[in-house]
Amino acid sequence: MEGSAKQIWYEEMHRAVAELLSGLTDPIAAMASCAAVLHERIPNASWTGFYRVVEPGLLRVGPYQGPVGCLEIPFESGVCGAAARSGRSLVVDDVHAFPGHIACDPRARSEVVVPVTDGKGSLRAVLDIDSHLPAAFDEADRLGLERIAELLSPCFKAARAR
């Protein structure tokens, strides 16, 4: 899928996730629901889920779909750690060429990782999607997934307010 067709597809997915998460204040339930929708709809996704910030400099596996993932990832390691450290999304065409790559699934070839914040700029998680195909993701995926990740911010804000 290319260009405007992919943008339309992400718009439809954004609406579906927004409707699903409407009024939800539990971030774990929100991440689980989001991971399920994305995993079902993204072609060639082999692992779709979240790594949550559980203490400074450490991510722990959260809700996901796919084979068992790494349980913990330090910010200093892998694509997820790099995205958490920088606060910026990463699209990696060949994970085996990425410095410090962690092989949670040795069949994974490409990856997109998007930071998830609480709306005040505090990193709360990263959205991680892997594929067994090389170069499975592009800038349209990054942009579409960043918009979807923004839908989770109210859930983290509500959880913090309780």
Protein backbone atom coordinates (compact mmCIF):
# COMPACT_ATOMS: atom_id res chain seq x y z
CA MET A 1 0.00 0.00 0.00
CA GLU A 2 1.39 3.37 -0.93
CA GLY A 3 0.87 7.12 -0.68
CA SER A 4 -2.64 8.42 -0.30
CA ALA A 5 -4.13 4.92 0.04
CA LYS A 6 -2.00 4.36 3.14
CA GLN A 7 -2.97 7.77 4.55
CA ILE A 8 -6.67 6.96 4.11
CA TRP A 9 -6.12 3.54 5.69
CA TYR A 10 -4.44 5.15 8.73
CA GLU A 11 -7.27 7.71 8.98
CA GLU A 12 -9.76 4.84 9.16
CA MET A 13 -7.65 3.02 11.74
CA HIS A 14 -7.28 6.25 13.76
CA ARG A 15 -11.08 6.66 13.85
CA ALA A 16 -11.55 3.02 14.92
CA VAL A 17 -9.01 3.32 17.76
CA ALA A 18 -10.39 6.72 18.84
CA GLU A 19 -13.88 5.27 19.07
CA LEU A 20 -12.64 2.24 20.98
CA LEU A 21 -10.69 4.33 23.51
CA SER A 22 -13.34 7.04 23.93
CA GLY A 23 -13.89 7.62 27.65
CA LEU A 24 -11.40 4.94 28.69
CA THR A 25 -9.22 5.99 31.64
CA ASP A 26 -7.21 2.81 32.21
CA PRO A 27 -3.90 2.94 30.31
CA ILE A 28 -3.35 -0.84 30.43
CA ALA A 29 -6.78 -1.53 28.93
CA ALA A 30 -6.15 1.19 26.34
CA MET A 31 -2.77 -0.25 25.33
CA ALA A 32 -4.19 -3.79 25.16
CA SER A 33 -7.07 -2.70 22.95
CA CYS A 34 -4.83 -0.57 20.74
CA ALA A 35 -2.32 -3.43 20.32
CA ALA A 36 -5.11 -5.82 19.31
CA VAL A 37 -6.52 -3.44 16.68
CA LEU A 38 -3.12 -2.60 15.22
CA HIS A 39 -1.91 -6.20 15.14
CA GLU A 40 -5.05 -7.32 13.35
CA ARG A 41 -4.94 -4.53 10.77
CA ILE A 42 -1.26 -3.88 10.01
CA PRO A 43 -0.08 -6.15 7.21
CA ASN A 44 3.08 -8.12 7.96
CA ALA A 45 3.14 -7.21 11.68
CA SER A 46 4.72 -10.08 13.60
CA TRP A 47 4.71 -8.37 17.04
CA THR A 48 2.63 -5.39 18.09
CA GLY A 49 2.64 -3.94 21.55
CA PHE A 50 3.94 -1.66 24.22
CA TYR A 51 6.90 -1.40 26.51
CA ARG A 52 6.04 0.67 29.59
CA VAL A 53 8.39 2.96 31.50
CA VAL A 54 8.54 1.34 34.94
CA GLU A 55 11.47 3.24 36.41
CA PRO A 56 13.96 5.77 35.06
CA GLY A 57 15.83 4.20 32.17
CA LEU A 58 13.87 0.92 32.07
CA LEU A 59 11.07 -0.37 29.85
CA ARG A 60 9.00 -3.45 30.75
CA VAL A 61 6.79 -5.39 28.37
CA GLY A 62 3.16 -4.32 28.44
CA PRO A 63 0.12 -5.43 26.51
CA TYR A 64 1.04 -6.99 23.17
CA GLN A 65 0.05 -9.39 20.41
CA GLY A 66 2.48 -11.94 18.94
CA PRO A 67 5.22 -14.21 20.25
CA VAL A 68 6.80 -13.66 23.67
CA GLY A 69 8.73 -10.39 23.74
CA CYS A 70 11.68 -9.23 25.79
CA LEU A 71 10.59 -8.73 29.39
CA GLU A 72 12.72 -5.66 30.04
CA ILE A 73 14.67 -3.26 27.86
CA PRO A 74 17.07 -0.66 29.27
CA PHE A 75 16.99 2.71 27.52
CA GLU A 76 20.59 2.00 26.44
CA SER A 77 19.58 -1.05 24.36
CA GLY A 78 17.78 -1.76 21.13
CA VAL A 79 15.42 0.24 18.97
CA CYS A 80 12.87 0.63 21.78
CA GLY A 81 15.54 1.94 24.13
CA ALA A 82 16.81 4.39 21.50
CA ALA A 83 13.29 5.73 20.87
CA ALA A 84 12.70 6.05 24.63
CA ARG A 85 16.06 7.78 25.13
CA SER A 86 15.56 10.27 22.29
CA GLY A 87 11.80 10.72 22.61
CA ARG A 88 11.55 10.33 18.83
CA SER A 89 9.99 7.70 16.63
CA LEU A 90 12.28 5.34 14.73
CA VAL A 91 11.70 3.38 11.54
CA VAL A 92 14.36 0.71 11.07
CA ASP A 93 14.53 -1.15 7.75
CA ASP A 94 17.05 -3.74 8.98
CA VAL A 95 17.09 -4.34 12.72
CA HIS A 96 20.18 -6.54 12.48
CA ALA A 97 22.16 -3.53 11.27
CA PHE A 98 20.91 -1.35 14.16
CA PRO A 99 23.62 -0.77 16.82
CA GLY A 100 22.65 -2.52 20.04
CA HIS A 101 19.69 -4.36 18.51
CA ILE A 102 18.06 -6.86 20.89
CA ALA A 103 16.87 -10.03 19.17
CA CYS A 104 13.69 -10.75 21.12
CA ASP A 105 12.43 -12.50 17.98
CA PRO A 106 15.34 -13.62 15.79
CA ARG A 107 13.02 -13.65 12.76
CA ALA A 108 12.26 -9.92 13.08
CA ARG A 109 13.77 -7.94 10.23
CA SER A 110 12.28 -4.44 10.52
CA GLU A 111 10.65 -2.32 13.18
CA VAL A 112 8.85 0.93 13.93
CA VAL A 113 8.84 2.37 17.46
CA VAL A 114 6.78 5.38 18.60
CA PRO A 115 7.06 7.11 22.00
CA VAL A 116 3.82 7.44 23.99
CA THR A 117 3.54 10.39 26.39
CA ASP A 118 1.02 11.44 29.00
CA GLY A 119 0.15 14.69 27.27
CA LYS A 120 2.53 16.71 29.44
CA GLY A 121 5.58 15.38 27.65
CA SER A 122 6.47 12.61 30.10
CA LEU A 123 7.33 9.35 28.39
CA ARG A 124 5.02 6.59 29.60
CA ALA A 125 5.61 3.83 27.02
CA VAL A 126 6.75 3.04 23.51
CA LEU A 127 4.61 1.44 20.83
CA ASP A 128 6.68 -1.24 19.09
CA ILE A 129 5.74 -3.04 15.88
CA ASP A 130 8.01 -5.67 14.31
CA SER A 131 7.86 -7.48 10.98
CA HIS A 132 9.57 -10.57 9.61
CA LEU A 133 10.00 -8.64 6.33
CA PRO A 134 12.80 -6.14 5.70
CA ALA A 135 11.77 -2.49 5.26
CA ALA A 136 8.12 -3.25 6.11
CA PHE A 137 7.51 0.27 7.49
CA ASP A 138 7.94 3.78 6.13
CA GLU A 139 7.32 7.42 7.03
CA ALA A 140 3.57 7.06 6.40
CA ASP A 141 3.52 4.31 9.02
CA ARG A 142 5.48 6.48 11.43
CA LEU A 143 3.13 9.43 10.99
CA GLY A 144 0.00 7.28 11.22
CA LEU A 145 1.21 5.49 14.33
CA GLU A 146 2.26 8.74 16.01
CA ARG A 147 -1.31 10.01 15.60
CA ILE A 148 -2.67 6.77 17.06
CA ALA A 149 -0.22 6.92 19.98
CA GLU A 150 -1.53 10.40 20.81
CA LEU A 151 -4.93 8.82 21.48
CA LEU A 152 -3.43 7.10 24.54
CA SER A 153 -2.34 10.32 26.29
CA PRO A 154 -5.72 11.01 27.98
CA CYS A 155 -5.66 7.54 29.53
CA PHE A 156 -2.29 8.21 31.14
CA LYS A 157 -3.42 11.64 32.33
CA ALA A 158 -6.56 10.16 33.91
CA ALA A 159 -4.54 7.40 35.62
CA ARG A 160 -2.12 9.96 37.05
CA ALA A 161 -5.02 12.07 38.41
CA ARG A 162 -6.47 9.17 40.44
